[in-house]
Amino acid sequence: MDMNNIEGALADILTLKGALAASLFDWESGMVLGTDTNKKFNIELASAGNAEVIKAKMDTMNSLEIEGTIEDILITLDSQIHVLHVMESNPELVLYLALDRSQGNLALARNKLKQVAKS
């Protein structure tokens, strides 16, 4: 992802049907680098909380001596799906999407995050 075009990348993610909010954040520091939202949704707070989710999984992988990297972490709620996509090209950065479960398509969402991460 071209770091100069974070705003455009997040806007592209929000074109997905059912998209509520998106962000790009650094999971190590918890710093949010960009946000966009279609709804009243505190994406900054959600990003900070999800940075802790990534940290916990990385710590667990290290403790278990699991080789490899995280591609996605999916959190399914009764009304929403949250997708945390760790960027392959910059593994300390995470593209995050909150999706309305009744309207969104998980496969399309994961594909869009991968596509945006590569651009």
PDB file of N, CA and C in Angstrom:
ATOM      1  N   MET A   1       0.844  -1.185   0.000  1.00  0.00           N
ATOM      2  CA  MET A   1       0.000   0.000   0.000  1.00  0.00           C
ATOM      3  C   MET A   1       0.880   1.236   0.000  1.00  0.00           C
ATOM      4  N   ASP A   2       0.544   2.159  -0.855  1.00  0.00           N
ATOM      5  CA  ASP A   2       1.227   3.446  -0.886  1.00  0.00           C
ATOM      6  C   ASP A   2       0.794   4.227   0.352  1.00  0.00           C
ATOM      7  N   MET A   3       1.729   4.450   1.254  1.00  0.00           N
ATOM      8  CA  MET A   3       1.393   5.094   2.521  1.00  0.00           C
ATOM      9  C   MET A   3       0.881   6.520   2.324  1.00  0.00           C
ATOM     10  N   ASN A   4       1.136   7.116   1.158  1.00  0.00           N
ATOM     11  CA  ASN A   4       0.634   8.455   0.870  1.00  0.00           C
ATOM     12  C   ASN A   4      -0.846   8.431   0.467  1.00  0.00           C
ATOM     13  N   ASN A   5      -1.383   7.246   0.233  1.00  0.00           N
ATOM     14  CA  ASN A   5      -2.763   7.150  -0.223  1.00  0.00           C
ATOM     15  C   ASN A   5      -3.621   6.330   0.745  1.00  0.00           C
ATOM     16  N   ILE A   6      -3.377   6.454   2.030  1.00  0.00           N
ATOM     17  CA  ILE A   6      -4.150   5.722   3.036  1.00  0.00           C
ATOM     18  C   ILE A   6      -5.623   6.093   2.940  1.00  0.00           C
ATOM     19  N   GLU A   7      -5.907   7.368   2.830  1.00  0.00           N
ATOM     20  CA  GLU A   7      -7.288   7.840   2.769  1.00  0.00           C
ATOM     21  C   GLU A   7      -8.038   7.206   1.598  1.00  0.00           C
ATOM     22  N   GLY A   8      -7.416   7.183   0.437  1.00  0.00           N
ATOM     23  CA  GLY A   8      -8.040   6.588  -0.742  1.00  0.00           C
ATOM     24  C   GLY A   8      -8.227   5.085  -0.600  1.00  0.00           C
ATOM     25  N   ALA A   9      -7.254   4.418   0.013  1.00  0.00           N
ATOM     26  CA  ALA A   9      -7.341   2.974   0.217  1.00  0.00           C
ATOM     27  C   ALA A   9      -8.488   2.630   1.156  1.00  0.00           C
ATOM     28  N   LEU A  10      -8.626   3.380   2.238  1.00  0.00           N
ATOM     29  CA  LEU A  10      -9.707   3.123   3.189  1.00  0.00           C
ATOM     30  C   LEU A  10     -11.066   3.429   2.564  1.00  0.00           C
ATOM     31  N   ALA A  11     -11.136   4.484   1.769  1.00  0.00           N
ATOM     32  CA  ALA A  11     -12.386   4.807   1.061  1.00  0.00           C
ATOM     33  C   ALA A  11     -12.763   3.675   0.106  1.00  0.00           C
ATOM     34  N   ASP A  12     -11.761   3.077  -0.543  1.00  0.00           N
ATOM     35  CA  ASP A  12     -11.991   1.944  -1.443  1.00  0.00           C
ATOM     36  C   ASP A  12     -12.573   0.767  -0.665  1.00  0.00           C
ATOM     37  N   ILE A  13     -12.035   0.487   0.505  1.00  0.00           N
ATOM     38  CA  ILE A  13     -12.544  -0.613   1.336  1.00  0.00           C
ATOM     39  C   ILE A  13     -14.004  -0.355   1.705  1.00  0.00           C
ATOM     40  N   LEU A  14     -14.339   0.887   1.993  1.00  0.00           N
ATOM     41  CA  LEU A  14     -15.704   1.214   2.418  1.00  0.00           C
ATOM     42  C   LEU A  14     -16.723   1.151   1.289  1.00  0.00           C
ATOM     43  N   THR A  15     -16.292   0.871   0.055  1.00  0.00           N
ATOM     44  CA  THR A  15     -17.247   0.672  -1.036  1.00  0.00           C
ATOM     45  C   THR A  15     -17.914  -0.699  -0.939  1.00  0.00           C
ATOM     46  N   LEU A  16     -17.371  -1.567  -0.089  1.00  0.00           N
ATOM     47  CA  LEU A  16     -17.973  -2.887   0.092  1.00  0.00           C
ATOM     48  C   LEU A  16     -19.368  -2.764   0.696  1.00  0.00           C
ATOM     49  N   LYS A  17     -20.289  -3.555   0.203  1.00  0.00           N
ATOM     50  CA  LYS A  17     -21.639  -3.568   0.765  1.00  0.00           C
ATOM     51  C   LYS A  17     -21.554  -4.010   2.222  1.00  0.00           C
ATOM     52  N   GLY A  18     -22.176  -3.241   3.101  1.00  0.00           N
ATOM     53  CA  GLY A  18     -22.197  -3.568   4.519  1.00  0.00           C
ATOM     54  C   GLY A  18     -21.018  -3.038   5.313  1.00  0.00           C
ATOM     55  N   ALA A  19     -20.062  -2.377   4.649  1.00  0.00           N
ATOM     56  CA  ALA A  19     -18.900  -1.843   5.366  1.00  0.00           C
ATOM     57  C   ALA A  19     -19.336  -0.766   6.347  1.00  0.00           C
ATOM     58  N   LEU A  20     -18.884  -0.894   7.594  1.00  0.00           N
ATOM     59  CA  LEU A  20     -19.197   0.090   8.619  1.00  0.00           C
ATOM     60  C   LEU A  20     -18.055   1.076   8.821  1.00  0.00           C
ATOM     61  N   ALA A  21     -16.832   0.543   8.897  1.00  0.00           N
ATOM     62  CA  ALA A  21     -15.664   1.380   9.165  1.00  0.00           C
ATOM     63  C   ALA A  21     -14.402   0.607   8.802  1.00  0.00           C
ATOM     64  N   ALA A  22     -13.335   1.354   8.535  1.00  0.00           N
ATOM     65  CA  ALA A  22     -12.047   0.741   8.202  1.00  0.00           C
ATOM     66  C   ALA A  22     -10.930   1.598   8.780  1.00  0.00           C
ATOM     67  N   SER A  23      -9.814   0.948   9.051  1.00  0.00           N
ATOM     68  CA  SER A  23      -8.651   1.690   9.527  1.00  0.00           C
ATOM     69  C   SER A  23      -7.378   0.971   9.118  1.00  0.00           C
ATOM     70  N   LEU A  24      -6.298   1.693   9.256  1.00  0.00           N
ATOM     71  CA  LEU A  24      -4.950   1.143   9.132  1.00  0.00           C
ATOM     72  C   LEU A  24      -4.258   1.494  10.434  1.00  0.00           C
ATOM     73  N   PHE A  25      -3.715   0.472  11.123  1.00  0.00           N
ATOM     74  CA  PHE A  25      -3.037   0.745  12.383  1.00  0.00           C
ATOM     75  C   PHE A  25      -1.792  -0.104  12.540  1.00  0.00           C
ATOM     76  N   ASP A  26      -0.905   0.380  13.392  1.00  0.00           N
ATOM     77  CA  ASP A  26       0.322  -0.325  13.755  1.00  0.00           C
ATOM     78  C   ASP A  26       0.007  -1.134  15.009  1.00  0.00           C
ATOM     79  N   TRP A  27       0.046  -2.454  14.913  1.00  0.00           N
ATOM     80  CA  TRP A  27      -0.368  -3.275  16.048  1.00  0.00           C
ATOM     81  C   TRP A  27       0.644  -3.248  17.193  1.00  0.00           C
ATOM     82  N   GLU A  28       1.898  -2.961  16.911  1.00  0.00           N
ATOM     83  CA  GLU A  28       2.901  -2.928  17.977  1.00  0.00           C
ATOM     84  C   GLU A  28       2.726  -1.707  18.880  1.00  0.00           C
ATOM     85  N   SER A  29       2.479  -0.561  18.284  1.00  0.00           N
ATOM     86  CA  SER A  29       2.337   0.669  19.065  1.00  0.00           C
ATOM     87  C   SER A  29       0.878   1.017  19.363  1.00  0.00           C
ATOM     88  N   GLY A  30      -0.057   0.460  18.569  1.00  0.00           N
ATOM     89  CA  GLY A  30      -1.464   0.824  18.697  1.00  0.00           C
ATOM     90  C   GLY A  30      -1.806   2.114  17.968  1.00  0.00           C
ATOM     91  N   MET A  31      -0.826   2.714  17.280  1.00  0.00           N
ATOM     92  CA  MET A  31      -1.052   3.982  16.578  1.00  0.00           C
ATOM     93  C   MET A  31      -1.937   3.768  15.351  1.00  0.00           C
ATOM     94  N   VAL A  32      -2.979   4.568  15.257  1.00  0.00           N
ATOM     95  CA  VAL A  32      -3.875   4.529  14.105  1.00  0.00           C
ATOM     96  C   VAL A  32      -3.343   5.500  13.058  1.00  0.00           C
ATOM     97  N   LEU A  33      -3.127   4.995  11.849  1.00  0.00           N
ATOM     98  CA  LEU A  33      -2.557   5.812  10.770  1.00  0.00           C
ATOM     99  C   LEU A  33      -3.614   6.414   9.860  1.00  0.00           C
ATOM    100  N   GLY A  34      -4.814   5.846   9.895  1.00  0.00           N
ATOM    101  CA  GLY A  34      -5.888   6.382   9.069  1.00  0.00           C
ATOM    102  C   GLY A  34      -7.193   5.683   9.380  1.00  0.00           C
ATOM    103  N   THR A  35      -8.301   6.402   9.203  1.00  0.00           N
ATOM    104  CA  THR A  35      -9.631   5.833   9.445  1.00  0.00           C
ATOM    105  C   THR A  35     -10.623   6.374   8.432  1.00  0.00           C
ATOM    106  N   ASP A  36     -11.693   5.620   8.254  1.00  0.00           N
ATOM    107  CA  ASP A  36     -12.834   6.082   7.470  1.00  0.00           C
ATOM    108  C   ASP A  36     -14.042   5.302   7.984  1.00  0.00           C
ATOM    109  N   THR A  37     -15.202   5.909   7.918  1.00  0.00           N
ATOM    110  CA  THR A  37     -16.393   5.243   8.432  1.00  0.00           C
ATOM    111  C   THR A  37     -17.633   5.648   7.652  1.00  0.00           C
ATOM    112  N   ASN A  38     -18.557   4.697   7.532  1.00  0.00           N
ATOM    113  CA  ASN A  38     -19.859   4.953   6.912  1.00  0.00           C
ATOM    114  C   ASN A  38     -20.939   5.158   7.961  1.00  0.00           C
ATOM    115  N   LYS A  39     -20.655   4.797   9.180  1.00  0.00           N
ATOM    116  CA  LYS A  39     -21.641   4.824  10.266  1.00  0.00           C
ATOM    117  C   LYS A  39     -21.020   5.455  11.502  1.00  0.00           C
ATOM    118  N   LYS A  40     -21.863   5.704  12.496  1.00  0.00           N
ATOM    119  CA  LYS A  40     -21.347   6.153  13.784  1.00  0.00           C
ATOM    120  C   LYS A  40     -20.675   4.944  14.421  1.00  0.00           C
ATOM    121  N   PHE A  41     -19.363   4.944  14.396  1.00  0.00           N
ATOM    122  CA  PHE A  41     -18.573   3.792  14.843  1.00  0.00           C
ATOM    123  C   PHE A  41     -17.239   4.331  15.320  1.00  0.00           C
ATOM    124  N   ASN A  42     -16.857   4.048  16.545  1.00  0.00           N
ATOM    125  CA  ASN A  42     -15.602   4.560  17.088  1.00  0.00           C
ATOM    126  C   ASN A  42     -14.450   3.668  16.615  1.00  0.00           C
ATOM    127  N   ILE A  43     -14.012   3.907  15.397  1.00  0.00           N
ATOM    128  CA  ILE A  43     -12.991   3.061  14.773  1.00  0.00           C
ATOM    129  C   ILE A  43     -11.638   3.212  15.464  1.00  0.00           C
ATOM    130  N   GLU A  44     -11.343   4.378  16.026  1.00  0.00           N
ATOM    131  CA  GLU A  44     -10.065   4.553  16.738  1.00  0.00           C
ATOM    132  C   GLU A  44      -9.994   3.642  17.963  1.00  0.00           C
ATOM    133  N   LEU A  45     -11.066   3.621  18.746  1.00  0.00           N
ATOM    134  CA  LEU A  45     -11.116   2.763  19.934  1.00  0.00           C
ATOM    135  C   LEU A  45     -11.083   1.291  19.536  1.00  0.00           C
ATOM    136  N   ALA A  46     -11.839   0.938  18.514  1.00  0.00           N
ATOM    137  CA  ALA A  46     -11.848  -0.445  18.039  1.00  0.00           C
ATOM    138  C   ALA A  46     -10.468  -0.867  17.537  1.00  0.00           C
ATOM    139  N   SER A  47      -9.776   0.024  16.846  1.00  0.00           N
ATOM    140  CA  SER A  47      -8.432  -0.282  16.343  1.00  0.00           C
ATOM    141  C   SER A  47      -7.460  -0.525  17.487  1.00  0.00           C
ATOM    142  N   ALA A  48      -7.524   0.325  18.498  1.00  0.00           N
ATOM    143  CA  ALA A  48      -6.631   0.163  19.656  1.00  0.00           C
ATOM    144  C   ALA A  48      -6.894  -1.168  20.355  1.00  0.00           C
ATOM    145  N   GLY A  49      -8.142  -1.515  20.527  1.00  0.00           N
ATOM    146  CA  GLY A  49      -8.478  -2.792  21.147  1.00  0.00           C
ATOM    147  C   GLY A  49      -8.021  -3.972  20.320  1.00  0.00           C
ATOM    148  N   ASN A  50      -8.159  -3.861  19.006  1.00  0.00           N
ATOM    149  CA  ASN A  50      -7.744  -4.957  18.135  1.00  0.00           C
ATOM    150  C   ASN A  50      -6.233  -5.064  17.999  1.00  0.00           C
ATOM    151  N   ALA A  51      -5.514  -3.981  18.263  1.00  0.00           N
ATOM    152  CA  ALA A  51      -4.046  -4.077  18.324  1.00  0.00           C
ATOM    153  C   ALA A  51      -3.664  -5.035  19.454  1.00  0.00           C
ATOM    154  N   GLU A  52      -4.413  -4.994  20.552  1.00  0.00           N
ATOM    155  CA  GLU A  52      -4.169  -5.907  21.675  1.00  0.00           C
ATOM    156  C   GLU A  52      -4.465  -7.357  21.290  1.00  0.00           C
ATOM    157  N   VAL A  53      -5.473  -7.569  20.440  1.00  0.00           N
ATOM    158  CA  VAL A  53      -5.794  -8.913  19.950  1.00  0.00           C
ATOM    159  C   VAL A  53      -4.607  -9.462  19.151  1.00  0.00           C
ATOM    160  N   ILE A  54      -4.067  -8.640  18.259  1.00  0.00           N
ATOM    161  CA  ILE A  54      -2.915  -9.074  17.448  1.00  0.00           C
ATOM    162  C   ILE A  54      -1.721  -9.369  18.361  1.00  0.00           C
ATOM    163  N   LYS A  55      -1.447  -8.483  19.305  1.00  0.00           N
ATOM    164  CA  LYS A  55      -0.334  -8.700  20.234  1.00  0.00           C
ATOM    165  C   LYS A  55      -0.490 -10.015  20.982  1.00  0.00           C
ATOM    166  N   ALA A  56      -1.695 -10.292  21.468  1.00  0.00           N
ATOM    167  CA  ALA A  56      -1.931 -11.524  22.223  1.00  0.00           C
ATOM    168  C   ALA A  56      -1.697 -12.757  21.348  1.00  0.00           C
ATOM    169  N   LYS A  57      -2.143 -12.713  20.108  1.00  0.00           N
ATOM    170  CA  LYS A  57      -1.947 -13.856  19.214  1.00  0.00           C
ATOM    171  C   LYS A  57      -0.470 -14.036  18.887  1.00  0.00           C
ATOM    172  N   MET A  58       0.239 -12.932  18.654  1.00  0.00           N
ATOM    173  CA  MET A  58       1.676 -13.023  18.375  1.00  0.00           C
ATOM    174  C   MET A  58       2.418 -13.606  19.575  1.00  0.00           C
ATOM    175  N   ASP A  59       2.063 -13.171  20.781  1.00  0.00           N
ATOM    176  CA  ASP A  59       2.687 -13.713  21.988  1.00  0.00           C
ATOM    177  C   ASP A  59       2.418 -15.202  22.124  1.00  0.00           C
ATOM    178  N   THR A  60       1.186 -15.615  21.835  1.00  0.00           N
ATOM    179  CA  THR A  60       0.833 -17.032  21.913  1.00  0.00           C
ATOM    180  C   THR A  60       1.611 -17.840  20.883  1.00  0.00           C
ATOM    181  N   MET A  61       1.711 -17.327  19.672  1.00  0.00           N
ATOM    182  CA  MET A  61       2.475 -18.020  18.627  1.00  0.00           C
ATOM    183  C   MET A  61       3.935 -18.173  19.055  1.00  0.00           C
ATOM    184  N   ASN A  62       4.506 -17.110  19.627  1.00  0.00           N
ATOM    185  CA  ASN A  62       5.893 -17.174  20.095  1.00  0.00           C
ATOM    186  C   ASN A  62       6.051 -18.193  21.218  1.00  0.00           C
ATOM    187  N   SER A  63       5.124 -18.206  22.170  1.00  0.00           N
ATOM    188  CA  SER A  63       5.181 -19.149  23.289  1.00  0.00           C
ATOM    189  C   SER A  63       5.094 -20.591  22.814  1.00  0.00           C
ATOM    190  N   LEU A  64       4.286 -20.824  21.795  1.00  0.00           N
ATOM    191  CA  LEU A  64       4.112 -22.171  21.257  1.00  0.00           C
ATOM    192  C   LEU A  64       5.133 -22.517  20.175  1.00  0.00           C
ATOM    193  N   GLU A  65       6.005 -21.546  19.886  1.00  0.00           N
ATOM    194  CA  GLU A  65       7.024 -21.699  18.840  1.00  0.00           C
ATOM    195  C   GLU A  65       6.402 -22.052  17.490  1.00  0.00           C
ATOM    196  N   ILE A  66       5.295 -21.376  17.182  1.00  0.00           N
ATOM    197  CA  ILE A  66       4.630 -21.562  15.891  1.00  0.00           C
ATOM    198  C   ILE A  66       5.327 -20.678  14.865  1.00  0.00           C
ATOM    199  N   GLU A  67       5.812 -21.296  13.807  1.00  0.00           N
ATOM    200  CA  GLU A  67       6.445 -20.560  12.717  1.00  0.00           C
ATOM    201  C   GLU A  67       5.374 -19.951  11.819  1.00  0.00           C
ATOM    202  N   GLY A  68       5.710 -18.904  11.117  1.00  0.00           N
ATOM    203  CA  GLY A  68       4.794 -18.307  10.161  1.00  0.00           C
ATOM    204  C   GLY A  68       4.268 -16.961  10.631  1.00  0.00           C
ATOM    205  N   THR A  69       3.340 -16.467   9.878  1.00  0.00           N
ATOM    206  CA  THR A  69       2.781 -15.147  10.146  1.00  0.00           C
ATOM    207  C   THR A  69       1.256 -15.214  10.156  1.00  0.00           C
ATOM    208  N   ILE A  70       0.651 -14.200  10.718  1.00  0.00           N
ATOM    209  CA  ILE A  70      -0.805 -14.072  10.694  1.00  0.00           C
ATOM    210  C   ILE A  70      -1.201 -13.442   9.365  1.00  0.00           C
ATOM    211  N   GLU A  71      -2.184 -14.019   8.712  1.00  0.00           N
ATOM    212  CA  GLU A  71      -2.747 -13.406   7.509  1.00  0.00           C
ATOM    213  C   GLU A  71      -3.965 -12.567   7.902  1.00  0.00           C
ATOM    214  N   ASP A  72      -4.944 -13.226   8.504  1.00  0.00           N
ATOM    215  CA  ASP A  72      -6.169 -12.555   8.939  1.00  0.00           C
ATOM    216  C   ASP A  72      -6.567 -13.083  10.305  1.00  0.00           C
ATOM    217  N   ILE A  73      -7.231 -12.246  11.067  1.00  0.00           N
ATOM    218  CA  ILE A  73      -7.952 -12.673  12.253  1.00  0.00           C
ATOM    219  C   ILE A  73      -9.388 -12.214  12.039  1.00  0.00           C
ATOM    220  N   LEU A  74     -10.324 -13.143  12.189  1.00  0.00           N
ATOM    221  CA  LEU A  74     -11.738 -12.845  12.004  1.00  0.00           C
ATOM    222  C   LEU A  74     -12.432 -12.903  13.351  1.00  0.00           C
ATOM    223  N   ILE A  75     -13.227 -11.899  13.623  1.00  0.00           N
ATOM    224  CA  ILE A  75     -14.029 -11.868  14.844  1.00  0.00           C
ATOM    225  C   ILE A  75     -15.475 -11.737  14.388  1.00  0.00           C
ATOM    226  N   THR A  76     -16.263 -12.759  14.689  1.00  0.00           N
ATOM    227  CA  THR A  76     -17.665 -12.719  14.282  1.00  0.00           C
ATOM    228  C   THR A  76     -18.541 -12.457  15.498  1.00  0.00           C
ATOM    229  N   LEU A  77     -19.326 -11.419  15.386  1.00  0.00           N
ATOM    230  CA  LEU A  77     -20.309 -11.051  16.399  1.00  0.00           C
ATOM    231  C   LEU A  77     -21.684 -11.389  15.839  1.00  0.00           C
ATOM    232  N   ASP A  78     -22.715 -11.276  16.644  1.00  0.00           N
ATOM    233  CA  ASP A  78     -24.043 -11.611  16.135  1.00  0.00           C
ATOM    234  C   ASP A  78     -24.490 -10.677  15.010  1.00  0.00           C
ATOM    235  N   SER A  79     -24.028  -9.430  15.015  1.00  0.00           N
ATOM    236  CA  SER A  79     -24.464  -8.485  13.985  1.00  0.00           C
ATOM    237  C   SER A  79     -23.330  -7.932  13.120  1.00  0.00           C
ATOM    238  N   GLN A  80     -22.087  -8.261  13.459  1.00  0.00           N
ATOM    239  CA  GLN A  80     -20.945  -7.709  12.721  1.00  0.00           C
ATOM    240  C   GLN A  80     -19.857  -8.764  12.524  1.00  0.00           C
ATOM    241  N   ILE A  81     -19.035  -8.512  11.524  1.00  0.00           N
ATOM    242  CA  ILE A  81     -17.815  -9.283  11.310  1.00  0.00           C
ATOM    243  C   ILE A  81     -16.669  -8.282  11.298  1.00  0.00           C
ATOM    244  N   HIS A  82     -15.620  -8.581  12.034  1.00  0.00           N
ATOM    245  CA  HIS A  82     -14.425  -7.736  12.063  1.00  0.00           C
ATOM    246  C   HIS A  82     -13.280  -8.533  11.461  1.00  0.00           C
ATOM    247  N   VAL A  83     -12.625  -7.947  10.469  1.00  0.00           N
ATOM    248  CA  VAL A  83     -11.516  -8.604   9.788  1.00  0.00           C
ATOM    249  C   VAL A  83     -10.257  -7.790  10.038  1.00  0.00           C
ATOM    250  N   LEU A  84      -9.250  -8.449  10.595  1.00  0.00           N
ATOM    251  CA  LEU A  84      -7.939  -7.840  10.835  1.00  0.00           C
ATOM    252  C   LEU A  84      -6.971  -8.488   9.863  1.00  0.00           C
ATOM    253  N   HIS A  85      -6.508  -7.729   8.893  1.00  0.00           N
ATOM    254  CA  HIS A  85      -5.604  -8.244   7.856  1.00  0.00           C
ATOM    255  C   HIS A  85      -4.202  -7.674   8.078  1.00  0.00           C
ATOM    256  N   VAL A  86      -3.283  -8.548   8.457  1.00  0.00           N
ATOM    257  CA  VAL A  86      -1.895  -8.132   8.650  1.00  0.00           C
ATOM    258  C   VAL A  86      -1.244  -8.030   7.272  1.00  0.00           C
ATOM    259  N   MET A  87      -0.657  -6.881   7.004  1.00  0.00           N
ATOM    260  CA  MET A  87      -0.085  -6.645   5.675  1.00  0.00           C
ATOM    261  C   MET A  87       1.212  -7.423   5.492  1.00  0.00           C
ATOM    262  N   GLU A  88       1.253  -8.223   4.456  1.00  0.00           N
ATOM    263  CA  GLU A  88       2.425  -9.049   4.161  1.00  0.00           C
ATOM    264  C   GLU A  88       3.665  -8.190   3.904  1.00  0.00           C
ATOM    265  N   SER A  89       3.496  -7.090   3.208  1.00  0.00           N
ATOM    266  CA  SER A  89       4.625  -6.229   2.846  1.00  0.00           C
ATOM    267  C   SER A  89       5.117  -5.376   4.009  1.00  0.00           C
ATOM    268  N   ASN A  90       4.296  -5.226   5.031  1.00  0.00           N
ATOM    269  CA  ASN A  90       4.630  -4.385   6.180  1.00  0.00           C
ATOM    270  C   ASN A  90       3.943  -4.996   7.402  1.00  0.00           C
ATOM    271  N   PRO A  91       4.490  -6.107   7.954  1.00  0.00           N
ATOM    272  CA  PRO A  91       3.758  -6.923   8.923  1.00  0.00           C
ATOM    273  C   PRO A  91       3.435  -6.280  10.270  1.00  0.00           C
ATOM    274  N   GLU A  92       3.904  -5.078  10.518  1.00  0.00           N
ATOM    275  CA  GLU A  92       3.472  -4.405  11.745  1.00  0.00           C
ATOM    276  C   GLU A  92       2.194  -3.601  11.516  1.00  0.00           C
ATOM    277  N   LEU A  93       1.748  -3.529  10.266  1.00  0.00           N
ATOM    278  CA  LEU A  93       0.538  -2.780   9.932  1.00  0.00           C
ATOM    279  C   LEU A  93      -0.637  -3.717   9.679  1.00  0.00           C
ATOM    280  N   VAL A  94      -1.824  -3.252  10.104  1.00  0.00           N
ATOM    281  CA  VAL A  94      -3.044  -4.037   9.979  1.00  0.00           C
ATOM    282  C   VAL A  94      -4.117  -3.190   9.304  1.00  0.00           C
ATOM    283  N   LEU A  95      -4.720  -3.759   8.262  1.00  0.00           N
ATOM    284  CA  LEU A  95      -5.926  -3.183   7.688  1.00  0.00           C
ATOM    285  C   LEU A  95      -7.093  -3.809   8.429  1.00  0.00           C
ATOM    286  N   TYR A  96      -7.984  -2.981   8.916  1.00  0.00           N
ATOM    287  CA  TYR A  96      -9.097  -3.440   9.744  1.00  0.00           C
ATOM    288  C   TYR A  96     -10.408  -3.000   9.123  1.00  0.00           C
ATOM    289  N   LEU A  97     -11.345  -3.932   9.050  1.00  0.00           N
ATOM    290  CA  LEU A  97     -12.668  -3.652   8.495  1.00  0.00           C
ATOM    291  C   LEU A  97     -13.729  -4.179   9.445  1.00  0.00           C
ATOM    292  N   ALA A  98     -14.692  -3.334   9.764  1.00  0.00           N
ATOM    293  CA  ALA A  98     -15.898  -3.745  10.480  1.00  0.00           C
ATOM    294  C   ALA A  98     -17.024  -3.795   9.456  1.00  0.00           C
ATOM    295  N   LEU A  99     -17.723  -4.914   9.437  1.00  0.00           N
ATOM    296  CA  LEU A  99     -18.704  -5.202   8.395  1.00  0.00           C
ATOM    297  C   LEU A  99     -20.035  -5.590   9.029  1.00  0.00           C
ATOM    298  N   ASP A 100     -21.131  -5.063   8.506  1.00  0.00           N
ATOM    299  CA  ASP A 100     -22.462  -5.467   8.946  1.00  0.00           C
ATOM    300  C   ASP A 100     -22.677  -6.903   8.459  1.00  0.00           C
ATOM    301  N   ARG A 101     -22.904  -7.797   9.395  1.00  0.00           N
ATOM    302  CA  ARG A 101     -22.990  -9.223   9.065  1.00  0.00           C
ATOM    303  C   ARG A 101     -24.175  -9.544   8.158  1.00  0.00           C
ATOM    304  N   SER A 102     -25.274  -8.816   8.274  1.00  0.00           N
ATOM    305  CA  SER A 102     -26.463  -9.116   7.477  1.00  0.00           C
ATOM    306  C   SER A 102     -26.339  -8.633   6.032  1.00  0.00           C
ATOM    307  N   GLN A 103     -25.420  -7.700   5.789  1.00  0.00           N
ATOM    308  CA  GLN A 103     -25.284  -7.134   4.443  1.00  0.00           C
ATOM    309  C   GLN A 103     -23.980  -7.502   3.755  1.00  0.00           C
ATOM    310  N   GLY A 104     -22.941  -7.731   4.528  1.00  0.00           N
ATOM    311  CA  GLY A 104     -21.615  -7.929   3.958  1.00  0.00           C
ATOM    312  C   GLY A 104     -21.358  -9.355   3.506  1.00  0.00           C
ATOM    313  N   ASN A 105     -20.302  -9.498   2.733  1.00  0.00           N
ATOM    314  CA  ASN A 105     -19.855 -10.791   2.238  1.00  0.00           C
ATOM    315  C   ASN A 105     -18.405 -10.966   2.690  1.00  0.00           C
ATOM    316  N   LEU A 106     -18.170 -11.946   3.545  1.00  0.00           N
ATOM    317  CA  LEU A 106     -16.837 -12.151   4.118  1.00  0.00           C
ATOM    318  C   LEU A 106     -15.790 -12.436   3.051  1.00  0.00           C
ATOM    319  N   ALA A 107     -16.093 -13.265   2.083  1.00  0.00           N
ATOM    320  CA  ALA A 107     -15.121 -13.590   1.037  1.00  0.00           C
ATOM    321  C   ALA A 107     -14.728 -12.350   0.238  1.00  0.00           C
ATOM    322  N   LEU A 108     -15.723 -11.537  -0.121  1.00  0.00           N
ATOM    323  CA  LEU A 108     -15.426 -10.301  -0.847  1.00  0.00           C
ATOM    324  C   LEU A 108     -14.618  -9.339   0.012  1.00  0.00           C
ATOM    325  N   ALA A 109     -14.945  -9.279   1.291  1.00  0.00           N
ATOM    326  CA  ALA A 109     -14.221  -8.385   2.200  1.00  0.00           C
ATOM    327  C   ALA A 109     -12.758  -8.797   2.321  1.00  0.00           C
ATOM    328  N   ARG A 110     -12.497 -10.075   2.516  1.00  0.00           N
ATOM    329  CA  ARG A 110     -11.113 -10.550   2.633  1.00  0.00           C
ATOM    330  C   ARG A 110     -10.344 -10.293   1.332  1.00  0.00           C
ATOM    331  N   ASN A 111     -11.003 -10.531   0.206  1.00  0.00           N
ATOM    332  CA  ASN A 111     -10.368 -10.291  -1.082  1.00  0.00           C
ATOM    333  C   ASN A 111     -10.032  -8.804  -1.266  1.00  0.00           C
ATOM    334  N   LYS A 112     -10.960  -7.928  -0.874  1.00  0.00           N
ATOM    335  CA  LYS A 112     -10.730  -6.478  -1.013  1.00  0.00           C
ATOM    336  C   LYS A 112      -9.560  -6.043  -0.134  1.00  0.00           C
ATOM    337  N   LEU A 113      -9.496  -6.542   1.112  1.00  0.00           N
ATOM    338  CA  LEU A 113      -8.383  -6.172   1.994  1.00  0.00           C
ATOM    339  C   LEU A 113      -7.046  -6.624   1.410  1.00  0.00           C
ATOM    340  N   LYS A 114      -6.994  -7.829   0.869  1.00  0.00           N
ATOM    341  CA  LYS A 114      -5.749  -8.316   0.243  1.00  0.00           C
ATOM    342  C   LYS A 114      -5.370  -7.451  -0.951  1.00  0.00           C
ATOM    343  N   GLN A 115      -6.370  -7.109  -1.765  1.00  0.00           N
ATOM    344  CA  GLN A 115      -6.141  -6.281  -2.950  1.00  0.00           C
ATOM    345  C   GLN A 115      -5.611  -4.898  -2.569  1.00  0.00           C
ATOM    346  N   VAL A 116      -6.235  -4.283  -1.589  1.00  0.00           N
ATOM    347  CA  VAL A 116      -5.822  -2.941  -1.141  1.00  0.00           C
ATOM    348  C   VAL A 116      -4.412  -3.007  -0.523  1.00  0.00           C
ATOM    349  N   ALA A 117      -4.143  -4.053   0.236  1.00  0.00           N
ATOM    350  CA  ALA A 117      -2.835  -4.184   0.881  1.00  0.00           C
ATOM    351  C   ALA A 117      -1.699  -4.289  -0.143  1.00  0.00           C
ATOM    352  N   LYS A 118      -1.996  -4.882  -1.286  1.00  0.00           N
ATOM    353  CA  LYS A 118      -0.968  -5.049  -2.331  1.00  0.00           C
ATOM    354  C   LYS A 118      -0.787  -3.803  -3.186  1.00  0.00           C
ATOM    355  N   SER A 119      -1.784  -2.914  -3.168  1.00  0.00           N
ATOM    356  CA  SER A 119      -1.691  -1.729  -4.039  1.00  0.00           C
ATOM    357  C   SER A 119      -0.894  -0.615  -3.420  1.00  0.00           C
TER     358      SER A 119
END
